[in-house]
C-alpha atoms as a PDB file:
ATOM      1  CA  MET A   1     -32.237   3.913  13.261  1.00  0.00           C
ATOM      2  CA  ALA A   2     -29.018   6.128  13.204  1.00  0.00           C
ATOM      3  CA  THR A   3     -27.743   7.178   9.792  1.00  0.00           C
ATOM      4  CA  ARG A   4     -25.071   4.886   8.680  1.00  0.00           C
ATOM      5  CA  SER A   5     -22.107   7.629   8.593  1.00  0.00           C
ATOM      6  CA  LEU A   6     -19.135   6.153  10.079  1.00  0.00           C
ATOM      7  CA  LEU A   7     -16.017   7.752   8.908  1.00  0.00           C
ATOM      8  CA  ASP A   8     -13.617  10.495  10.108  1.00  0.00           C
ATOM      9  CA  LEU A   9     -12.241   8.247   9.345  1.00  0.00           C
ATOM     10  CA  ARG A  10     -14.942   6.031  10.903  1.00  0.00           C
ATOM     11  CA  PHE A  11     -14.195   2.871   9.090  1.00  0.00           C
ATOM     12  CA  ASP A  12     -17.341   0.825   7.953  1.00  0.00           C
ATOM     13  CA  LEU A  13     -15.706  -2.533   8.170  1.00  0.00           C
ATOM     14  CA  GLN A  14     -17.911  -5.297   6.438  1.00  0.00           C
ATOM     15  CA  CYS A  15     -16.505  -9.128   6.442  1.00  0.00           C
ATOM     16  CA  ASN A  16     -15.938  -9.525   3.130  1.00  0.00           C
ATOM     17  CA  THR A  17     -19.921  -8.997   2.471  1.00  0.00           C
ATOM     18  CA  VAL A  18     -21.979  -6.522   0.713  1.00  0.00           C
ATOM     19  CA  PRO A  19     -23.649  -4.296   3.218  1.00  0.00           C
ATOM     20  CA  SER A  20     -27.035  -5.278   3.913  1.00  0.00           C
ATOM     21  CA  LYS A  21     -30.021  -2.952   2.738  1.00  0.00           C
ATOM     22  CA  GLN A  22     -30.560  -0.649   5.222  1.00  0.00           C
ATOM     23  CA  GLN A  23     -32.240   3.156   5.283  1.00  0.00           C
ATOM     24  CA  PRO A  24     -30.624   5.109   2.224  1.00  0.00           C
ATOM     25  CA  TYR A  25     -27.098   6.597   3.205  1.00  0.00           C
ATOM     26  CA  SER A  26     -27.202  10.450   3.786  1.00  0.00           C
ATOM     27  CA  LEU A  27     -25.831  13.025   1.384  1.00  0.00           C
ATOM     28  CA  GLN A  28     -22.983  13.320   4.001  1.00  0.00           C
ATOM     29  CA  HIS A  29     -22.231   9.519   4.006  1.00  0.00           C
ATOM     30  CA  LEU A  30     -22.172   9.643   0.113  1.00  0.00           C
ATOM     31  CA  CYS A  31     -19.934  12.359  -0.206  1.00  0.00           C
ATOM     32  CA  ARG A  32     -17.856  11.086   2.525  1.00  0.00           C
ATOM     33  CA  LYS A  33     -17.541   7.484   0.873  1.00  0.00           C
ATOM     34  CA  ASN A  34     -16.717   9.221  -2.571  1.00  0.00           C
ATOM     35  CA  ILE A  35     -13.938  11.345  -0.868  1.00  0.00           C
ATOM     36  CA  ILE A  36     -12.329   8.729   0.963  1.00  0.00           C
ATOM     37  CA  VAL A  37     -12.451   6.032  -1.929  1.00  0.00           C
ATOM     38  CA  CYS A  38     -10.784   8.495  -4.341  1.00  0.00           C
ATOM     39  CA  ILE A  39      -8.138   9.182  -1.847  1.00  0.00           C
ATOM     40  CA  ILE A  40      -7.456   5.640  -0.969  1.00  0.00           C
ATOM     41  CA  LYS A  41      -6.968   4.769  -4.722  1.00  0.00           C
ATOM     42  CA  SER A  42      -4.791   7.781  -5.148  1.00  0.00           C
ATOM     43  CA  VAL A  43      -2.599   7.878  -2.084  1.00  0.00           C
ATOM     44  CA  GLY A  44      -3.134   4.241  -0.437  1.00  0.00           C
ATOM     45  CA  LEU A  45      -4.511   3.268   2.641  1.00  0.00           C
ATOM     46  CA  PHE A  46      -1.605   4.565   5.026  1.00  0.00           C
ATOM     47  CA  GLU A  47      -1.926   8.290   3.729  1.00  0.00           C
ATOM     48  CA  VAL A  48      -5.640   8.631   3.764  1.00  0.00           C
ATOM     49  CA  HIS A  49      -5.647  11.019   7.146  1.00  0.00           C
ATOM     50  CA  LYS A  50      -2.947  13.037   5.847  1.00  0.00           C
ATOM     51  CA  ALA A  51      -4.492  13.748   2.404  1.00  0.00           C
ATOM     52  CA  CYS A  52      -7.770  14.593   3.867  1.00  0.00           C
ATOM     53  CA  ALA A  53      -6.176  17.302   5.967  1.00  0.00           C
ATOM     54  CA  LYS A  54      -4.795  18.704   2.802  1.00  0.00           C
ATOM     55  CA  LEU A  55      -7.906  18.584   0.663  1.00  0.00           C
ATOM     56  CA  PRO A  56      -8.113  22.124  -1.239  1.00  0.00           C
ATOM     57  CA  ILE A  57     -11.699  22.819   0.245  1.00  0.00           C
ATOM     58  CA  PRO A  58     -12.614  24.674   3.435  1.00  0.00           C
ATOM     59  CA  LYS A  59     -11.711  23.176   6.700  1.00  0.00           C
ATOM     60  CA  ILE A  60     -15.142  23.395   8.184  1.00  0.00           C
ATOM     61  CA  VAL A  61     -16.478  21.322   5.038  1.00  0.00           C
ATOM     62  CA  VAL A  62     -13.856  18.533   5.414  1.00  0.00           C
ATOM     63  CA  ASN A  63     -14.622  18.358   9.088  1.00  0.00           C
ATOM     64  CA  TYR A  64     -18.305  18.099   8.316  1.00  0.00           C
ATOM     65  CA  LEU A  65     -17.738  15.329   5.694  1.00  0.00           C
ATOM     66  CA  THR A  66     -15.255  13.497   7.580  1.00  0.00           C
ATOM     67  CA  ASN A  67     -16.391  13.412  11.207  1.00  0.00           C
ATOM     68  CA  SER A  68     -19.151  11.211  12.699  1.00  0.00           C
ATOM     69  CA  SER A  69     -21.191  12.033  15.727  1.00  0.00           C
ATOM     70  CA  THR A  70     -23.101   8.774  15.738  1.00  0.00           C
ATOM     71  CA  LYS A  71     -22.331   5.926  18.176  1.00  0.00           C
ATOM     72  CA  ASP A  72     -23.052   2.303  18.564  1.00  0.00           C
ATOM     73  CA  GLU A  73     -24.229   0.009  21.365  1.00  0.00           C
ATOM     74  CA  HIS A  74     -20.713  -1.803  20.737  1.00  0.00           C
ATOM     75  CA  PHE A  75     -17.361  -0.579  22.487  1.00  0.00           C
ATOM     76  CA  ASP A  76     -16.112   2.348  20.852  1.00  0.00           C
ATOM     77  CA  ILE A  77     -12.397   3.107  20.058  1.00  0.00           C
ATOM     78  CA  ARG A  78     -11.401   6.447  19.071  1.00  0.00           C
ATOM     79  CA  THR A  79      -8.653   7.280  16.257  1.00  0.00           C
ATOM     80  CA  TRP A  80      -8.223  10.487  14.400  1.00  0.00           C
ATOM     81  CA  GLY A  81     -11.316  11.825  16.587  1.00  0.00           C
ATOM     82  CA  SER A  82     -13.487   9.077  14.986  1.00  0.00           C
ATOM     83  CA  LEU A  83     -15.373   6.010  16.050  1.00  0.00           C
ATOM     84  CA  VAL A  84     -14.240   2.629  14.895  1.00  0.00           C
ATOM     85  CA  GLU A  85     -16.533  -0.412  15.258  1.00  0.00           C
ATOM     86  CA  LEU A  86     -14.537  -3.456  15.872  1.00  0.00           C
ATOM     87  CA  GLY A  87     -16.402  -6.754  15.600  1.00  0.00           C
ATOM     88  CA  TYR A  88     -13.815  -9.463  15.325  1.00  0.00           C
ATOM     89  CA  SER A  89     -10.449 -10.451  13.761  1.00  0.00           C
ATOM     90  CA  GLY A  90     -10.180 -11.294  10.029  1.00  0.00           C
ATOM     91  CA  LYS A  91     -10.190  -9.989   6.639  1.00  0.00           C
ATOM     92  CA  CYS A  92     -12.683  -7.126   5.971  1.00  0.00           C
ATOM     93  CA  LEU A  93     -13.872  -4.311   3.494  1.00  0.00           C
ATOM     94  CA  LEU A  94     -12.912  -1.018   3.903  1.00  0.00           C
ATOM     95  CA  TYR A  95     -15.489   0.613   1.348  1.00  0.00           C
ATOM     96  CA  GLY A  96     -14.498  -1.970  -1.005  1.00  0.00           C
ATOM     97  CA  GLU A  97     -10.486  -2.033  -0.115  1.00  0.00           C
ATOM     98  CA  LEU A  98      -9.727  -5.415   1.606  1.00  0.00           C
ATOM     99  CA  VAL A  99      -7.854  -4.887   4.909  1.00  0.00           C
ATOM    100  CA  THR A 100      -7.030  -7.289   7.934  1.00  0.00           C
ATOM    101  CA  LEU A 101      -8.646  -6.295  11.128  1.00  0.00           C
ATOM    102  CA  LYS A 102      -7.032  -7.715  14.437  1.00  0.00           C
ATOM    103  CA  CYS A 103      -8.842  -7.514  17.732  1.00  0.00           C
ATOM    104  CA  ILE A 104      -7.258  -8.199  21.138  1.00  0.00           C
ATOM    105  CA  ASP A 105      -9.671  -8.566  23.772  1.00  0.00           C
ATOM    106  CA  LEU A 106      -8.101  -7.771  27.252  1.00  0.00           C
ATOM    107  CA  ARG A 107     -11.216  -7.247  29.529  1.00  0.00           C
ATOM    108  CA  ARG A 108     -10.892 -10.733  31.256  1.00  0.00           C
ATOM    109  CA  THR A 109      -7.238 -10.707  31.219  1.00  0.00           C
ATOM    110  CA  VAL A 110      -5.053 -10.617  34.448  1.00  0.00           C
ATOM    111  CA  ARG A 111      -2.904  -7.391  34.849  1.00  0.00           C
ATOM    112  CA  ILE A 112       0.491  -8.982  33.812  1.00  0.00           C
ATOM    113  CA  LEU A 113      -0.787 -10.286  30.695  1.00  0.00           C
ATOM    114  CA  ARG A 114      -2.458  -7.167  29.969  1.00  0.00           C
ATOM    115  CA  ASN A 115       0.590  -5.275  30.285  1.00  0.00           C
ATOM    116  CA  GLU A 116       2.672  -7.578  28.114  1.00  0.00           C
ATOM    117  CA  ALA A 117       0.197  -7.334  25.266  1.00  0.00           C
ATOM    118  CA  ILE A 118       0.324  -3.508  25.451  1.00  0.00           C
ATOM    119  CA  GLN A 119       4.069  -3.525  25.643  1.00  0.00           C
ATOM    120  CA  PHE A 120       3.985  -5.683  22.534  1.00  0.00           C
ATOM    121  CA  LYS A 121       1.481  -3.546  20.786  1.00  0.00           C
ATOM    122  CA  ASP A 122       3.827  -0.413  21.476  1.00  0.00           C
ATOM    123  CA  LYS A 123       6.714  -2.228  20.120  1.00  0.00           C
ATOM    124  CA  TRP A 124       5.377  -3.402  16.854  1.00  0.00           C
ATOM    125  CA  MET A 125       3.501  -0.145  16.359  1.00  0.00           C
ATOM    126  CA  SER A 126       6.737   1.721  16.352  1.00  0.00           C
ATOM    127  CA  VAL A 127       8.429  -0.292  13.474  1.00  0.00           C
ATOM    128  CA  ASP A 128       9.625   1.855  10.783  1.00  0.00           C
ATOM    129  CA  HIS A 129      11.456  -0.602   8.306  1.00  0.00           C
ATOM    130  CA  GLU A 130      10.673  -0.983   4.527  1.00  0.00           C
ATOM    131  CA  ASN A 131      10.601  -4.813   4.524  1.00  0.00           C
ATOM    132  CA  ILE A 132       8.380  -4.902   7.449  1.00  0.00           C
ATOM    133  CA  SER A 133       4.461  -4.355   7.287  1.00  0.00           C
ATOM    134  CA  LYS A 134       3.029  -1.474   9.366  1.00  0.00           C
ATOM    135  CA  ALA A 135      -0.266  -1.169  10.731  1.00  0.00           C
ATOM    136  CA  ILE A 136      -2.643   1.340   9.274  1.00  0.00           C
ATOM    137  CA  VAL A 137      -3.941   2.545  12.515  1.00  0.00           C
ATOM    138  CA  CYS A 138      -4.124   1.180  15.986  1.00  0.00           C
ATOM    139  CA  PHE A 139      -6.738   1.642  18.641  1.00  0.00           C
ATOM    140  CA  GLU A 140      -7.023   1.035  22.305  1.00  0.00           C
ATOM    141  CA  ALA A 141     -10.029   1.623  24.592  1.00  0.00           C
ATOM    142  CA  ASN A 142     -12.042  -0.129  27.059  1.00  0.00           C
ATOM    143  CA  ASN A 143      -9.043  -2.782  27.390  1.00  0.00           C
ATOM    144  CA  VAL A 144      -9.489  -3.891  23.601  1.00  0.00           C
ATOM    145  CA  ILE A 145      -6.876  -3.365  21.257  1.00  0.00           C
ATOM    146  CA  GLY A 146      -7.644  -3.136  17.666  1.00  0.00           C
ATOM    147  CA  ALA A 147      -5.595  -2.673  14.606  1.00  0.00           C
ATOM    148  CA  ILE A 148      -6.198  -2.284  10.499  1.00  0.00           C
ATOM    149  CA  PHE A 149      -3.496  -3.624   8.338  1.00  0.00           C
ATOM    150  CA  GLU A 150      -3.241  -3.643   4.676  1.00  0.00           C
ATOM    151  CA  PRO A 151      -3.707  -7.206   3.280  1.00  0.00           C
ATOM    152  CA  CYS A 152      -0.737  -9.385   3.207  1.00  0.00           C
ATOM    153  CA  ALA A 153       1.112 -10.437   0.045  1.00  0.00           C
ATOM    154  CA  PRO A 154       1.555 -14.427  -0.488  1.00  0.00           C
ATOM    155  CA  SER A 155       3.962 -15.759   1.977  1.00  0.00           C
ATOM    156  CA  ILE A 156       7.222 -17.510   1.171  1.00  0.00           C
ATOM    157  CA  LYS A 157       5.247 -20.632   2.487  1.00  0.00           C
ATOM    158  CA  ASP A 158       2.767 -20.106  -0.294  1.00  0.00           C
ATOM    159  CA  ILE A 159       5.378 -19.273  -2.839  1.00  0.00           C
ATOM    160  CA  VAL A 160       7.348 -22.556  -2.187  1.00  0.00           C
ATOM    161  CA  ALA A 161       4.234 -24.552  -2.519  1.00  0.00           C
ATOM    162  CA  GLN A 162       3.387 -22.895  -5.931  1.00  0.00           C
ATOM    163  CA  TYR A 163       6.690 -23.753  -7.236  1.00  0.00           C
ATOM    164  CA  SER A 164       6.475 -27.455  -5.737  1.00  0.00           C
ATOM    165  CA  ASP A 165       3.381 -27.722  -7.620  1.00  0.00           C
ATOM    166  CA  MET A 166       4.678 -26.812 -10.833  1.00  0.00           C
ATOM    167  CA  ASN A 167       7.941 -28.632 -10.005  1.00  0.00           C
ATOM    168  CA  GLU A 168      10.052 -25.833 -10.722  1.00  0.00           C
ATOM    169  CA  GLN A 169      12.897 -24.305  -9.000  1.00  0.00           C
ATOM    170  CA  ILE A 170      13.314 -20.715  -7.408  1.00  0.00           C
ATOM    171  CA  ASP A 171      15.895 -18.546  -9.426  1.00  0.00           C
ATOM    172  CA  GLU A 172      18.814 -18.280  -7.096  1.00  0.00           C
ATOM    173  CA  LYS A 173      18.870 -14.444  -7.501  1.00  0.00           C
ATOM    174  CA  TYR A 174      15.552 -14.193  -6.167  1.00  0.00           C
ATOM    175  CA  ILE A 175      16.669 -16.314  -2.987  1.00  0.00           C
ATOM    176  CA  TRP A 176      19.458 -14.094  -2.363  1.00  0.00           C
ATOM    177  CA  SER A 177      17.157 -11.120  -2.753  1.00  0.00           C
ATOM    178  CA  VAL A 178      14.973 -12.644  -0.222  1.00  0.00           C
ATOM    179  CA  LEU A 179      17.691 -13.505   2.400  1.00  0.00           C
ATOM    180  CA  GLY A 180      19.149 -10.106   2.089  1.00  0.00           C
ATOM    181  CA  GLN A 181      16.098  -8.024   2.648  1.00  0.00           C
ATOM    182  CA  LEU A 182      14.968 -10.464   5.556  1.00  0.00           C
ATOM    183  CA  SER A 183      18.416 -10.342   7.353  1.00  0.00           C
ATOM    184  CA  SER A 184      18.045  -6.608   6.925  1.00  0.00           C
ATOM    185  CA  ALA A 185      14.621  -6.555   8.602  1.00  0.00           C
ATOM    186  CA  LEU A 186      15.661  -9.100  11.346  1.00  0.00           C
ATOM    187  CA  MET A 187      18.650  -6.784  12.340  1.00  0.00           C
ATOM    188  CA  TYR A 188      16.406  -3.705  12.525  1.00  0.00           C
ATOM    189  CA  LEU A 189      14.136  -5.678  15.008  1.00  0.00           C
ATOM    190  CA  SER A 190      16.773  -7.205  16.955  1.00  0.00           C
ATOM    191  CA  LYS A 191      18.631  -3.750  17.246  1.00  0.00           C
ATOM    192  CA  ASN A 192      15.221  -2.336  18.621  1.00  0.00           C
ATOM    193  CA  GLY A 193      14.522  -5.003  20.980  1.00  0.00           C
ATOM    194  CA  ILE A 194      11.270  -6.092  19.427  1.00  0.00           C
ATOM    195  CA  SER A 195      10.205  -9.598  20.089  1.00  0.00           C
ATOM    196  CA  HIS A 196       9.998 -11.787  16.849  1.00  0.00           C
ATOM    197  CA  TYR A 197      10.873 -15.277  17.750  1.00  0.00           C
ATOM    198  CA  LYS A 198       7.426 -16.621  16.268  1.00  0.00           C
ATOM    199  CA  LEU A 199       8.565 -15.563  12.779  1.00  0.00           C
ATOM    200  CA  CYS A 200       8.365 -18.445   9.996  1.00  0.00           C
ATOM    201  CA  SER A 201       8.058 -18.740   6.327  1.00  0.00           C
ATOM    202  CA  LYS A 202       4.129 -18.240   6.693  1.00  0.00           C
ATOM    203  CA  MET A 203       4.658 -14.758   8.377  1.00  0.00           C
ATOM    204  CA  ILE A 204       7.101 -13.503   5.733  1.00  0.00           C
ATOM    205  CA  SER A 205       5.644 -12.106   2.651  1.00  0.00           C
ATOM    206  CA  VAL A 206       6.994 -11.675  -0.814  1.00  0.00           C
ATOM    207  CA  THR A 207       5.427  -9.306  -3.411  1.00  0.00           C
ATOM    208  CA  GLY A 208       5.342 -10.152  -7.260  1.00  0.00           C
ATOM    209  CA  THR A 209       8.801  -8.154  -7.670  1.00  0.00           C
ATOM    210  CA  TRP A 210      10.295 -10.143  -4.884  1.00  0.00           C
ATOM    211  CA  GLU A 211      10.063  -7.296  -2.244  1.00  0.00           C
ATOM    212  CA  VAL A 212      10.073  -8.972   1.266  1.00  0.00           C
ATOM    213  CA  ARG A 213       7.444  -7.980   3.807  1.00  0.00           C
ATOM    214  CA  VAL A 214       7.793  -9.419   7.177  1.00  0.00           C
ATOM    215  CA  GLN A 215       4.261  -9.408   8.485  1.00  0.00           C
ATOM    216  CA  ASN A 216       3.613  -7.336  11.393  1.00  0.00           C
ATOM    217  CA  LEU A 217       3.254  -9.644  14.529  1.00  0.00           C
ATOM    218  CA  LEU A 218       0.615  -7.634  16.030  1.00  0.00           C
ATOM    219  CA  MET A 219      -1.516  -9.334  13.410  1.00  0.00           C
ATOM    220  CA  HIS A 220      -0.629 -12.603  14.801  1.00  0.00           C
ATOM    221  CA  TYR A 221      -0.276 -11.840  18.655  1.00  0.00           C
ATOM    222  CA  SER A 222      -2.368 -14.220  21.023  1.00  0.00           C
ATOM    223  CA  ILE A 223      -2.785 -13.205  24.639  1.00  0.00           C
ATOM    224  CA  ASN A 224      -1.752 -16.883  25.325  1.00  0.00           C
ATOM    225  CA  ASP A 225       1.727 -16.597  23.692  1.00  0.00           C
ATOM    226  CA  SER A 226       3.505 -16.095  27.039  1.00  0.00           C
ATOM    227  CA  LEU A 227       1.804 -19.019  28.335  1.00  0.00           C
ATOM    228  CA  THR A 228       1.887 -21.937  25.942  1.00  0.00           C
ATOM    229  CA  PRO A 229       4.097 -20.729  23.029  1.00  0.00           C
ATOM    230  CA  LEU A 230       4.809 -23.969  21.467  1.00  0.00           C
ATOM    231  CA  GLN A 231       1.386 -25.595  21.780  1.00  0.00           C
ATOM    232  CA  GLU A 232      -0.450 -22.472  20.298  1.00  0.00           C
ATOM    233  CA  ASP A 233       1.147 -23.020  16.861  1.00  0.00           C
ATOM    234  CA  MET A 234       3.081 -26.129  16.050  1.00  0.00           C
ATOM    235  CA  TYR A 235       4.283 -24.677  12.673  1.00  0.00           C
ATOM    236  CA  TYR A 236       6.709 -22.024  14.142  1.00  0.00           C
ATOM    237  CA  GLY A 237       8.044 -24.540  16.466  1.00  0.00           C
ATOM    238  CA  MET A 238       9.885 -25.823  13.416  1.00  0.00           C
ATOM    239  CA  TYR A 239      11.977 -22.784  12.959  1.00  0.00           C
ATOM    240  CA  LEU A 240      13.207 -22.187  16.493  1.00  0.00           C
ATOM    241  CA  ALA A 241      16.795 -22.640  17.272  1.00  0.00           C
ATOM    242  CA  PRO A 242      18.233 -25.250  19.551  1.00  0.00           C
ATOM    243  CA  GLU A 243      19.110 -22.845  22.403  1.00  0.00           C
ATOM    244  CA  ARG A 244      15.570 -21.099  22.054  1.00  0.00           C
ATOM    245  CA  ILE A 245      14.161 -24.638  22.326  1.00  0.00           C
ATOM    246  CA  GLU A 246      15.903 -25.194  25.411  1.00  0.00           C
ATOM    247  CA  GLY A 247      15.100 -21.851  27.045  1.00  0.00           C
ATOM    248  CA  ARG A 248      18.660 -20.471  26.801  1.00  0.00           C
ATOM    249  CA  PRO A 249      19.491 -16.769  25.743  1.00  0.00           C
ATOM    250  CA  CYS A 250      19.939 -16.765  22.089  1.00  0.00           C
ATOM    251  CA  LYS A 251      20.307 -13.122  20.870  1.00  0.00           C
ATOM    252  CA  ASP A 252      20.799 -12.999  17.264  1.00  0.00           C
ATOM    253  CA  LYS A 253      21.656 -16.328  16.579  1.00  0.00           C
ATOM    254  CA  GLN A 254      17.772 -17.379  16.627  1.00  0.00           C
ATOM    255  CA  ASP A 255      17.535 -15.029  13.510  1.00  0.00           C
ATOM    256  CA  THR A 256      20.534 -16.526  11.801  1.00  0.00           C
ATOM    257  CA  TRP A 257      18.924 -20.127  12.345  1.00  0.00           C
ATOM    258  CA  LEU A 258      15.664 -18.526  10.753  1.00  0.00           C
ATOM    259  CA  ILE A 259      17.484 -17.381   7.754  1.00  0.00           C
ATOM    260  CA  GLY A 260      19.142 -20.941   7.275  1.00  0.00           C
ATOM    261  CA  CYS A 261      15.440 -22.491   7.598  1.00  0.00           C
ATOM    262  CA  ILE A 262      14.210 -20.154   4.984  1.00  0.00           C
ATOM    263  CA  ALA A 263      16.985 -20.730   2.695  1.00  0.00           C
ATOM    264  CA  TYR A 264      16.715 -24.351   2.680  1.00  0.00           C
ATOM    265  CA  GLU A 265      13.026 -23.999   2.216  1.00  0.00           C
ATOM    266  CA  MET A 266      13.461 -21.955  -0.890  1.00  0.00           C
ATOM    267  CA  ILE A 267      15.999 -24.248  -2.302  1.00  0.00           C
ATOM    268  CA  HIS A 268      14.413 -27.513  -1.562  1.00  0.00           C
ATOM    269  CA  ARG A 269      10.847 -26.441  -1.801  1.00  0.00           C
ATOM    270  CA  LYS A 270      10.219 -28.200   1.745  1.00  0.00           C
ATOM    271  CA  THR A 271      10.580 -27.216   5.287  1.00  0.00           C
ATOM    272  CA  ALA A 272      13.928 -27.912   6.786  1.00  0.00           C
ATOM    273  CA  PHE A 273      12.367 -29.558   9.856  1.00  0.00           C
ATOM    274  CA  LYS A 274       8.895 -30.802   9.936  1.00  0.00           C
ATOM    275  CA  VAL A 275       6.218 -32.871  11.793  1.00  0.00           C
ATOM    276  CA  HIS A 276       5.767 -36.046  10.055  1.00  0.00           C
ATOM    277  CA  GLU A 277       2.394 -38.113  10.273  1.00  0.00           C
ATOM    278  CA  GLY A 278       2.533 -39.941  13.403  1.00  0.00           C
ATOM    279  CA  MET A 279       5.376 -37.913  14.772  1.00  0.00           C
ATOM    280  CA  SER A 280       4.950 -35.571  17.537  1.00  0.00           C
ATOM    281  CA  LEU A 281       6.363 -32.031  17.907  1.00  0.00           C
ATOM    282  CA  PHE A 282       8.409 -33.085  20.781  1.00  0.00           C
ATOM    283  CA  GLU A 283      10.364 -35.380  18.630  1.00  0.00           C
ATOM    284  CA  THR A 284      11.144 -32.821  16.049  1.00  0.00           C
ATOM    285  CA  LEU A 285      12.274 -30.244  18.483  1.00  0.00           C
ATOM    286  CA  ASN A 286      14.475 -32.884  20.084  1.00  0.00           C
ATOM    287  CA  ASN A 287      16.238 -33.914  16.892  1.00  0.00           C
ATOM    288  CA  ILE A 288      17.058 -30.143  16.548  1.00  0.00           C
ATOM    289  CA  VAL A 289      18.499 -29.797  19.700  1.00  0.00           C
ATOM    290  CA  LYS A 290      20.608 -32.901  19.350  1.00  0.00           C
ATOM    291  CA  GLY A 291      21.719 -31.836  16.025  1.00  0.00           C
ATOM    292  CA  CYS A 292      20.172 -34.012  13.301  1.00  0.00           C
ATOM    293  CA  PRO A 293      20.515 -32.126  10.195  1.00  0.00           C
ATOM    294  CA  PRO A 294      17.937 -31.638   7.562  1.00  0.00           C
ATOM    295  CA  PRO A 295      17.894 -34.579   5.126  1.00  0.00           C
ATOM    296  CA  GLN A 296      19.232 -32.600   1.990  1.00  0.00           C
ATOM    297  CA  LEU A 297      21.606 -30.144   3.734  1.00  0.00           C
ATOM    298  CA  SER A 298      24.518 -31.124   1.632  1.00  0.00           C
ATOM    299  CA  ASP A 299      22.551 -31.244  -1.450  1.00  0.00           C
ATOM    300  CA  LEU A 300      23.283 -28.572  -4.101  1.00  0.00           C
ATOM    301  CA  ASN A 301      20.106 -29.209  -5.842  1.00  0.00           C
ATOM    302  CA  GLY A 302      21.465 -26.994  -8.756  1.00  0.00           C
ATOM    303  CA  TYR A 303      22.280 -23.987  -6.755  1.00  0.00           C
ATOM    304  CA  SER A 304      25.801 -22.648  -6.067  1.00  0.00           C
ATOM    305  CA  SER A 305      28.076 -23.766  -3.504  1.00  0.00           C
ATOM    306  CA  GLU A 306      28.019 -20.288  -1.871  1.00  0.00           C
ATOM    307  CA  LEU A 307      24.342 -20.446  -1.404  1.00  0.00           C
ATOM    308  CA  MET A 308      24.822 -23.974   0.190  1.00  0.00           C
ATOM    309  CA  ASN A 309      27.361 -23.082   2.538  1.00  0.00           C
ATOM    310  CA  LEU A 310      25.456 -20.063   3.880  1.00  0.00           C
ATOM    311  CA  THR A 311      22.575 -22.494   4.553  1.00  0.00           C
ATOM    312  CA  ARG A 312      24.857 -24.953   6.217  1.00  0.00           C
ATOM    313  CA  ALA A 313      26.639 -22.333   8.367  1.00  0.00           C
ATOM    314  CA  CYS A 314      23.227 -20.966   9.417  1.00  0.00           C
ATOM    315  CA  LEU A 315      21.812 -24.344  10.387  1.00  0.00           C
ATOM    316  CA  THR A 316      24.656 -25.377  12.419  1.00  0.00           C
ATOM    317  CA  HIS A 317      23.426 -26.635  15.981  1.00  0.00           C
ATOM    318  CA  LEU A 318      26.055 -25.192  18.054  1.00  0.00           C
ATOM    319  CA  GLU A 319      25.140 -21.855  18.770  1.00  0.00           C
ATOM    320  CA  GLN A 320      29.045 -20.669  19.496  1.00  0.00           C
ATOM    321  CA  VAL A 321      29.970 -21.904  15.661  1.00  0.00           C
ATOM    322  CA  ARG A 322      26.881 -20.430  14.033  1.00  0.00           C
ATOM    323  CA  PRO A 323      27.633 -17.105  12.293  1.00  0.00           C
ATOM    324  CA  SER A 324      26.080 -13.992  13.893  1.00  0.00           C
ATOM    325  CA  LEU A 325      23.372 -12.230  12.323  1.00  0.00           C
ATOM    326  CA  GLU A 326      25.595  -9.201  11.076  1.00  0.00           C
ATOM    327  CA  GLU A 327      27.953 -11.763   9.676  1.00  0.00           C
ATOM    328  CA  VAL A 328      25.281 -13.405   7.489  1.00  0.00           C
ATOM    329  CA  HIS A 329      23.919 -10.224   6.382  1.00  0.00           C
ATOM    330  CA  LEU A 330      27.506  -8.985   5.317  1.00  0.00           C
ATOM    331  CA  ALA A 331      28.023 -12.356   3.507  1.00  0.00           C
ATOM    332  CA  ILE A 332      24.806 -11.915   1.819  1.00  0.00           C
ATOM    333  CA  GLN A 333      24.991  -8.423   0.706  1.00  0.00           C
ATOM    334  CA  ASN A 334      28.564  -9.281  -0.548  1.00  0.00           C
ATOM    335  CA  ASN A 335      27.342 -12.021  -3.050  1.00  0.00           C
ATOM    336  CA  ILE A 336      24.235  -9.873  -4.183  1.00  0.00           C
ATOM    337  CA  SER A 337      26.950  -6.896  -4.951  1.00  0.00           C
ATOM    338  CA  GLY A 338      29.078  -9.616  -6.771  1.00  0.00           C
ATOM    339  CA  GLN A 339      26.046 -10.655  -9.120  1.00  0.00           C
ATOM    340  CA  ASN A 340      25.635  -6.928 -10.040  1.00  0.00           C
END
């Protein structure tokens, strides 16, 4: 049996389990594990490779401790001169550090869908914004795309559910802060032509200090997205603007609509539009297109008129009347500045 020396980083990914008992680790593996774990805890997952290169020990020793020469029977994906075994998507452990693993298998996919997936990957791997999560590393080999991400903080959907269970309101200053950071991230994505129409409250994370992290959509990518976008995930369909549902070009007005949906959800602790029991997704989408407003759109619910006016403006079903993303972002920033 080959020695379990899997890093360069060659990531030893275990799916939330303790590794099964095998032959004893080699001295090389134990040294490698200790070095990597110490670096991860010191500089974080993103900086591991750079930190390895800067270790104050001879390069030949670093190379020995961080390079792997073993191979598996599984398909191999190279990164940083190392091999990574990708089993399947999900939450995994990288030597005790929780990460999220994403695999997109393109081996039995027609060329046009394969090209779309690669383009989507390239776009989302290029993101560089403080409010958008990045992949730690991405690999592509043998028509398989793999990526490793840091674990996500609770989503807005999760936070809203927690406040709803406690029957408590979210402080208005936090709502403005979230909307400001979200609008900044959406402006970045729009400006750089990065597809993000699937965004919804469960794909927008918020840390304990109310810092927004729009989840990297490569983490949620499905090869069938371009074929059956609405059937693939009914939840995000409730965040689509009327013009998007009708298949018309929507530019950044879809983003404005999304901000309105998120604001409404944080204010009222429920989604602006939802599929009721016994109600089809088509009926919900039809109501959005016809301009049926959310039931509590005019209810202040203890919040300021400025916040409610912004929410109403963003959820205007007429695209030509709805404010642009830049206008919304400016209004949010002006309000935040006025609070300080």
